[in-house]
Amino acid sequence: MQLVVGQQEAVNAPNVIASNVTSWTPVVLMHGSASSTATVQHTRNLLVRAMPGVYVKAIEIGNGILDSLFWPMDDQLAAFCAEMKADPKLAGGVNVLGFSQGGVLIRAYVERCNNPPVKNLVSYLGPQMGVYGVPRICWVPYINTTLDTLVGTFIYSEWAQHLFSFAGYWRDPYQLQTYHKRCEFLPDINNEGPEKNPAYKKNMLSLTNFAMVYSEVDQTVNPRQSSVFGSYAPDDDTKVLALEDLDLYKEDWIGLRELDETGRLHRFGVSCYHGDYYSACYGAALNKYVLPFLMDTWNGSVPVELDPNDYDDEEGPALQLDALPSYIRMTRE
């Protein structure tokens, strides 16, 4: 399957393109780490504009910002599953969009819970194959390497696994044996252990589509290709293996190969910064690579027709990239 890399137009709001639709599949939004439902409110407004009358539910994990960072992923998933099951408006099936850490969480939901069932699963800059390396904080390579090594000394300890959400999907290419033994979340949902859970694959294969978006300038997810199941090679964080090179795909541990072969696995690339949910870049990505799945209109072609003048939201003006904080603009090479 070919990775589609989009050219971003100077638009950032969806046009109402399907006024004849009277009943939409409900949409669930899941925010990322150190975030809250406030982060996805602008996206919610855009979706409601594009799909008048749609039911959109943004799920909060605990108190949001702190708990999304300091609850282990298993606990976050349990809370997410409970929220989904408790809402009768979702009982007939849902389309789900997850941002960053939320993209991994929603995949785990499909594998472990999927009640109510997900139709279209969309992960936006979600580290599906985990992360290795803290985001670059300065231009001195030694400092960044030292931080990576420092985190690696404790990340697989029991206390860290139960304290930091990202510890559950920290995939150190230099400590893969320890990762498989002590990391409590990602190895399980990837079916990386010797005993595979057949329910995970079965539930993933029930999806209508699984779409993933990664950013070519992502400074938070390392490697950035993790958002489309790319992974550092064993003992080498200078080489990234594509999904097709992984046993996860070759042996089809969670159904990704079958989804791919049946035209239901989709990977897209954008040039938007991680955490940017307001700019023209994000708007174009939303329209091209997300809306067709949430609207149940995906037919194999990318464009969604837009009205470039249809941006009147006062809550989220387009961001000027040169005005972003330096830590947002930095990239990890």
Protein backbone atom coordinates (compact mmCIF):
# COMPACT_ATOMS: atom_id res chain seq x y z
CA MET A 1 0.00 0.00 0.00
CA GLN A 2 1.26 3.43 -0.92
CA LEU A 3 1.65 6.18 1.64
CA VAL A 4 -0.21 9.29 0.56
CA VAL A 5 1.49 12.57 1.36
CA GLY A 6 -0.77 15.57 0.97
CA GLN A 7 -0.12 19.07 -0.23
CA GLN A 8 -1.74 21.35 2.31
CA GLU A 9 -4.06 24.03 1.01
CA ALA A 10 -4.69 27.30 2.79
CA VAL A 11 -8.03 26.23 4.22
CA ASN A 12 -8.95 25.06 7.65
CA ALA A 13 -12.66 24.47 8.03
CA PRO A 14 -14.89 21.85 6.50
CA ASN A 15 -17.69 22.84 4.21
CA VAL A 16 -21.12 21.25 4.60
CA ILE A 17 -20.93 18.79 1.73
CA ALA A 18 -23.69 16.27 2.42
CA SER A 19 -26.85 18.16 3.32
CA ASN A 20 -28.98 15.25 2.11
CA VAL A 21 -27.73 13.00 4.92
CA THR A 22 -30.25 12.85 7.74
CA SER A 23 -28.54 10.40 10.07
CA TRP A 24 -24.83 10.34 10.83
CA THR A 25 -22.81 7.71 12.63
CA PRO A 26 -21.94 9.14 16.08
CA VAL A 27 -18.36 10.36 16.43
CA VAL A 28 -16.15 9.95 19.49
CA LEU A 29 -13.05 12.11 20.02
CA MET A 30 -10.15 11.10 22.29
CA HIS A 31 -7.57 13.69 23.28
CA GLY A 32 -3.88 12.99 23.81
CA SER A 33 -1.45 13.07 26.72
CA ALA A 34 -1.26 16.17 28.92
CA SER A 35 -4.44 17.35 27.24
CA SER A 36 -8.17 17.53 27.87
CA THR A 37 -11.41 17.73 25.95
CA ALA A 38 -10.71 21.45 25.51
CA THR A 39 -8.00 20.44 23.03
CA VAL A 40 -10.53 18.82 20.70
CA GLN A 41 -13.36 21.36 21.08
CA HIS A 42 -12.41 23.19 17.89
CA THR A 43 -12.34 19.92 15.98
CA ARG A 44 -15.76 19.09 17.40
CA ASN A 45 -17.12 22.41 16.15
CA LEU A 46 -15.76 21.73 12.67
CA LEU A 47 -17.29 18.26 12.60
CA VAL A 48 -20.70 19.58 13.65
CA ARG A 49 -20.48 22.16 10.89
CA ALA A 50 -19.65 19.49 8.33
CA MET A 51 -22.28 17.05 9.59
CA PRO A 52 -25.31 18.98 10.87
CA GLY A 53 -27.05 17.08 13.62
CA VAL A 54 -24.24 14.59 14.25
CA TYR A 55 -23.70 13.41 17.82
CA VAL A 56 -20.08 14.09 18.81
CA LYS A 57 -18.80 12.88 22.17
CA ALA A 58 -15.41 14.02 23.47
CA ILE A 59 -14.27 11.71 26.26
CA GLU A 60 -12.27 13.03 29.19
CA ILE A 61 -9.80 10.78 30.97
CA GLY A 62 -10.03 11.56 34.68
CA ASN A 63 -9.33 15.24 35.10
CA GLY A 64 -7.81 15.44 31.63
CA ILE A 65 -4.42 17.09 31.65
CA LEU A 66 -2.83 15.41 34.67
CA ASP A 67 -4.54 12.03 34.54
CA SER A 68 -3.89 11.60 30.82
CA LEU A 69 -0.20 11.82 31.69
CA PHE A 70 -0.07 10.13 35.09
CA TRP A 71 -2.61 7.32 34.70
CA PRO A 72 -1.17 4.12 33.25
CA MET A 73 -2.60 3.23 29.86
CA ASP A 74 -4.49 0.19 31.14
CA ASP A 75 -6.39 2.40 33.60
CA GLN A 76 -7.09 4.98 30.90
CA LEU A 77 -8.41 2.27 28.62
CA ALA A 78 -10.71 0.91 31.33
CA ALA A 79 -12.15 4.39 31.85
CA PHE A 80 -12.57 4.90 28.12
CA CYS A 81 -14.34 1.55 27.68
CA ALA A 82 -16.71 2.34 30.54
CA GLU A 83 -17.58 5.77 29.09
CA MET A 84 -18.28 4.27 25.69
CA LYS A 85 -20.48 1.50 27.02
CA ALA A 86 -22.47 3.82 29.29
CA ASP A 87 -23.66 6.12 26.49
CA PRO A 88 -26.84 4.73 24.85
CA LYS A 89 -26.43 7.09 21.90
CA LEU A 90 -23.36 5.09 20.83
CA ALA A 91 -24.96 1.66 21.03
CA GLY A 92 -25.45 1.23 17.28
CA GLY A 93 -21.79 1.78 16.41
CA VAL A 94 -19.40 4.72 16.22
CA ASN A 95 -16.61 6.33 14.26
CA VAL A 96 -13.66 7.26 16.47
CA LEU A 97 -10.90 9.84 16.07
CA GLY A 98 -7.94 9.80 18.46
CA PHE A 99 -5.17 12.37 18.72
CA SER A 100 -1.59 11.53 19.69
CA GLN A 101 -1.72 9.16 22.70
CA GLY A 102 -5.47 8.97 22.11
CA GLY A 103 -4.76 7.28 18.77
CA VAL A 104 -3.16 4.33 20.55
CA LEU A 105 -5.86 4.28 23.18
CA ILE A 106 -8.68 3.97 20.64
CA ARG A 107 -6.94 1.08 18.88
CA ALA A 108 -6.62 -0.69 22.21
CA TYR A 109 -10.33 -0.04 22.75
CA VAL A 110 -11.18 -1.88 19.55
CA GLU A 111 -8.99 -4.82 20.47
CA ARG A 112 -9.99 -5.23 24.12
CA CYS A 113 -13.54 -3.83 24.33
CA ASN A 114 -15.24 -2.70 21.11
CA ASN A 115 -18.60 -2.33 22.82
CA PRO A 116 -20.13 -0.35 21.21
CA PRO A 117 -18.40 -1.42 18.00
CA VAL A 118 -16.21 0.93 15.99
CA LYS A 119 -16.83 1.28 12.27
CA ASN A 120 -14.08 3.65 11.15
CA LEU A 121 -10.99 4.08 13.34
CA VAL A 122 -8.87 7.19 12.69
CA SER A 123 -5.58 7.86 14.46
CA TYR A 124 -4.09 11.34 14.05
CA LEU A 125 -0.38 11.42 14.91
CA GLY A 126 -0.82 8.50 17.29
CA PRO A 127 2.34 6.52 18.24
CA GLN A 128 1.06 3.11 17.14
CA MET A 129 4.48 1.49 17.47
CA GLY A 130 5.38 3.44 20.56
CA VAL A 131 8.01 6.10 21.16
CA TYR A 132 11.69 6.16 21.92
CA GLY A 133 13.41 9.41 22.81
CA VAL A 134 12.14 12.53 24.51
CA PRO A 135 11.24 15.42 22.20
CA ARG A 136 14.29 17.51 21.36
CA ILE A 137 14.65 20.37 23.82
CA CYS A 138 17.82 21.99 22.54
CA TRP A 139 20.26 21.88 19.66
CA VAL A 140 23.05 20.09 21.55
CA PRO A 141 22.89 16.42 20.47
CA TYR A 142 24.71 15.24 23.61
CA ILE A 143 21.99 16.61 25.90
CA ASN A 144 19.18 14.95 23.95
CA THR A 145 21.01 11.62 23.85
CA THR A 146 21.72 11.85 27.57
CA LEU A 147 18.03 12.44 28.33
CA ASP A 148 17.06 9.42 26.24
CA THR A 149 19.56 7.27 28.14
CA LEU A 150 18.42 8.63 31.49
CA VAL A 151 14.76 7.82 30.80
CA GLY A 152 15.82 4.39 29.60
CA THR A 153 17.27 3.58 33.03
CA PHE A 154 13.89 3.66 34.78
CA ILE A 155 11.10 3.56 32.20
CA TYR A 156 10.52 -0.19 32.51
CA SER A 157 10.56 -0.22 36.29
CA GLU A 158 7.26 -1.11 37.96
CA TRP A 159 6.81 2.33 39.49
CA ALA A 160 7.35 4.10 36.16
CA GLN A 161 4.97 1.76 34.34
CA HIS A 162 2.32 2.63 36.92
CA LEU A 163 3.06 6.36 36.97
CA PHE A 164 3.61 7.61 33.42
CA SER A 165 1.19 6.93 30.59
CA PHE A 166 3.94 7.03 27.96
CA ALA A 167 5.89 4.35 29.84
CA GLY A 168 3.27 1.93 28.56
CA TYR A 169 4.29 2.54 24.96
CA TRP A 170 8.01 3.39 25.35
CA ARG A 171 9.72 1.03 22.88
CA ASP A 172 13.49 1.17 23.37
CA PRO A 173 15.25 -0.46 20.39
CA TYR A 174 18.28 -1.09 22.61
CA GLN A 175 16.26 -2.86 25.31
CA LEU A 176 13.73 -4.89 23.35
CA GLN A 177 13.95 -7.91 25.63
CA THR A 178 13.23 -5.74 28.64
CA TYR A 179 10.46 -3.99 26.71
CA HIS A 180 8.76 -7.29 25.91
CA LYS A 181 9.10 -8.47 29.50
CA ARG A 182 8.23 -5.37 31.50
CA CYS A 183 6.32 -2.91 29.32
CA GLU A 184 2.70 -3.42 30.36
CA PHE A 185 0.67 -2.00 27.49
CA LEU A 186 2.02 -1.81 23.94
CA PRO A 187 3.48 -5.34 23.69
CA ASP A 188 0.07 -6.68 24.66
CA ILE A 189 -2.08 -4.70 22.22
CA ASN A 190 0.48 -5.45 19.47
CA ASN A 191 0.20 -9.18 20.25
CA GLU A 192 4.00 -9.28 20.50
CA GLY A 193 4.08 -12.04 23.11
CA PRO A 194 4.49 -15.75 22.28
CA GLU A 195 0.79 -16.36 22.94
CA LYS A 196 -1.45 -14.32 20.68
CA ASN A 197 -4.86 -13.09 21.71
CA PRO A 198 -7.15 -13.99 18.79
CA ALA A 199 -9.82 -11.52 19.94
CA TYR A 200 -7.50 -8.61 19.16
CA LYS A 201 -7.19 -9.61 15.52
CA LYS A 202 -10.86 -10.50 15.23
CA ASN A 203 -11.96 -7.13 16.57
CA MET A 204 -9.56 -5.21 14.32
CA LEU A 205 -10.85 -7.11 11.29
CA SER A 206 -14.38 -6.01 12.15
CA LEU A 207 -13.43 -2.43 11.21
CA THR A 208 -14.74 -0.88 8.03
CA ASN A 209 -11.54 1.18 7.80
CA PHE A 210 -8.44 1.92 9.88
CA ALA A 211 -6.87 5.23 8.85
CA MET A 212 -3.67 6.71 10.26
CA VAL A 213 -2.13 10.14 9.75
CA TYR A 214 1.51 10.89 10.48
CA SER A 215 3.43 14.15 10.30
CA GLU A 216 6.68 14.63 8.44
CA VAL A 217 7.63 17.33 10.95
CA ASP A 218 6.44 15.63 14.14
CA GLN A 219 8.70 16.65 17.04
CA THR A 220 6.87 14.68 19.72
CA VAL A 221 6.46 11.15 18.36
CA ASN A 222 9.86 9.51 17.88
CA PRO A 223 10.19 8.06 15.36
CA ARG A 224 7.52 10.10 13.63
CA GLN A 225 6.75 7.11 11.40
CA SER A 226 5.40 5.33 14.48
CA SER A 227 2.11 7.03 13.68
CA VAL A 228 1.84 4.66 10.70
CA PHE A 229 3.45 1.67 12.49
CA GLY A 230 7.04 2.53 11.58
CA SER A 231 9.58 1.36 14.17
CA TYR A 232 13.25 1.79 14.96
CA ALA A 233 15.30 -1.22 13.93
CA PRO A 234 16.67 -3.36 16.78
CA ASP A 235 19.77 -1.71 18.30
CA ASP A 236 19.63 1.14 15.78
CA ASP A 237 17.70 4.37 16.28
CA THR A 238 18.99 5.74 12.97
CA LYS A 239 17.01 3.25 10.88
CA VAL A 240 13.23 3.10 10.73
CA LEU A 241 11.51 -0.07 9.58
CA ALA A 242 8.24 0.24 7.69
CA LEU A 243 5.17 -1.66 8.81
CA GLU A 244 5.62 -4.21 6.02
CA ASP A 245 9.06 -5.08 7.41
CA LEU A 246 7.72 -6.02 10.84
CA ASP A 247 6.67 -9.49 12.00
CA LEU A 248 3.58 -7.74 13.34
CA TYR A 249 2.53 -7.34 9.70
CA LYS A 250 4.15 -10.37 8.10
CA GLU A 251 2.56 -12.78 10.58
CA ASP A 252 -0.55 -10.60 10.87
CA TRP A 253 -0.68 -10.54 14.66
CA ILE A 254 -3.53 -8.00 14.87
CA GLY A 255 -4.99 -8.15 11.37
CA LEU A 256 -3.16 -5.23 9.76
CA ARG A 257 -2.01 -7.24 6.75
CA GLU A 258 -5.53 -8.49 6.06
CA LEU A 259 -6.92 -4.99 6.48
CA ASP A 260 -4.29 -3.79 4.02
CA GLU A 261 -4.94 -6.55 1.49
CA THR A 262 -8.68 -5.86 1.60
CA GLY A 263 -8.23 -2.11 1.08
CA ARG A 264 -9.21 -1.09 4.61
CA LEU A 265 -5.84 0.11 5.96
CA HIS A 266 -4.92 3.68 5.04
CA ARG A 267 -1.83 5.76 5.79
CA PHE A 268 -1.49 9.46 5.07
CA GLY A 269 1.30 11.99 5.60
CA VAL A 270 0.97 15.69 6.40
CA SER A 271 3.32 18.51 7.32
CA CYS A 272 1.46 19.80 10.39
CA TYR A 273 3.10 20.26 13.77
CA HIS A 274 2.17 17.95 16.64
CA GLY A 275 -0.44 19.58 18.83
CA ASP A 276 -1.57 22.01 16.12
CA TYR A 277 -5.35 21.62 15.85
CA TYR A 278 -6.23 25.07 14.51
CA SER A 279 -4.08 25.97 11.51
CA ALA A 280 -4.82 25.81 7.79
CA CYS A 281 -2.53 22.79 7.63
CA TYR A 282 -4.65 20.95 10.17
CA GLY A 283 -7.87 21.98 8.46
CA ALA A 284 -6.69 20.59 5.14
CA ALA A 285 -5.59 17.35 6.81
CA LEU A 286 -8.93 17.04 8.57
CA ASN A 287 -10.85 17.52 5.35
CA LYS A 288 -8.73 15.24 3.21
CA TYR A 289 -7.81 12.37 5.47
CA VAL A 290 -10.25 12.34 8.40
CA LEU A 291 -13.69 13.61 7.39
CA PRO A 292 -14.32 11.02 4.64
CA PHE A 293 -14.05 8.27 7.27
CA LEU A 294 -16.09 10.03 9.94
CA MET A 295 -18.77 10.80 7.36
CA ASP A 296 -18.80 7.21 6.05
CA THR A 297 -18.07 8.54 2.56
CA TRP A 298 -14.56 7.18 1.96
CA ASN A 299 -14.41 5.73 -1.56
CA GLY A 300 -10.69 5.47 -2.16
CA SER A 301 -10.15 9.06 -3.29
CA VAL A 302 -8.67 11.77 -1.11
CA PRO A 303 -10.21 15.20 -1.83
CA VAL A 304 -13.20 16.61 -0.02
CA GLU A 305 -14.57 19.73 -1.65
CA LEU A 306 -14.07 22.85 0.45
CA ASP A 307 -15.09 26.45 0.53
CA PRO A 308 -11.88 28.39 1.28
CA ASN A 309 -13.96 31.23 2.75
CA ASP A 310 -15.83 29.00 5.18
CA TYR A 311 -13.83 29.89 8.26
CA ASP A 312 -15.63 32.09 10.72
CA ASP A 313 -14.81 30.41 14.02
CA GLU A 314 -13.50 32.96 16.49
CA GLU A 315 -12.23 30.37 18.95
CA GLY A 316 -9.36 29.06 16.87
CA PRO A 317 -7.65 31.48 14.49
CA ALA A 318 -5.09 30.01 12.12
CA LEU A 319 -1.68 29.69 13.74
CA GLN A 320 1.36 31.40 12.29
CA LEU A 321 4.08 28.77 12.41
CA ASP A 322 6.84 31.27 13.10
CA ALA A 323 4.87 32.42 16.15
CA LEU A 324 4.80 28.99 17.75
CA PRO A 325 7.02 28.37 20.79
CA SER A 326 10.46 27.10 19.86
CA TYR A 327 9.87 23.69 21.44
CA ILE A 328 6.89 23.21 19.11
CA ARG A 329 8.88 24.14 16.01
CA MET A 330 11.84 21.91 16.82
CA THR A 331 12.14 18.58 15.08
CA ARG A 332 14.14 15.53 16.04
CA GLU A 333 16.37 14.31 13.20
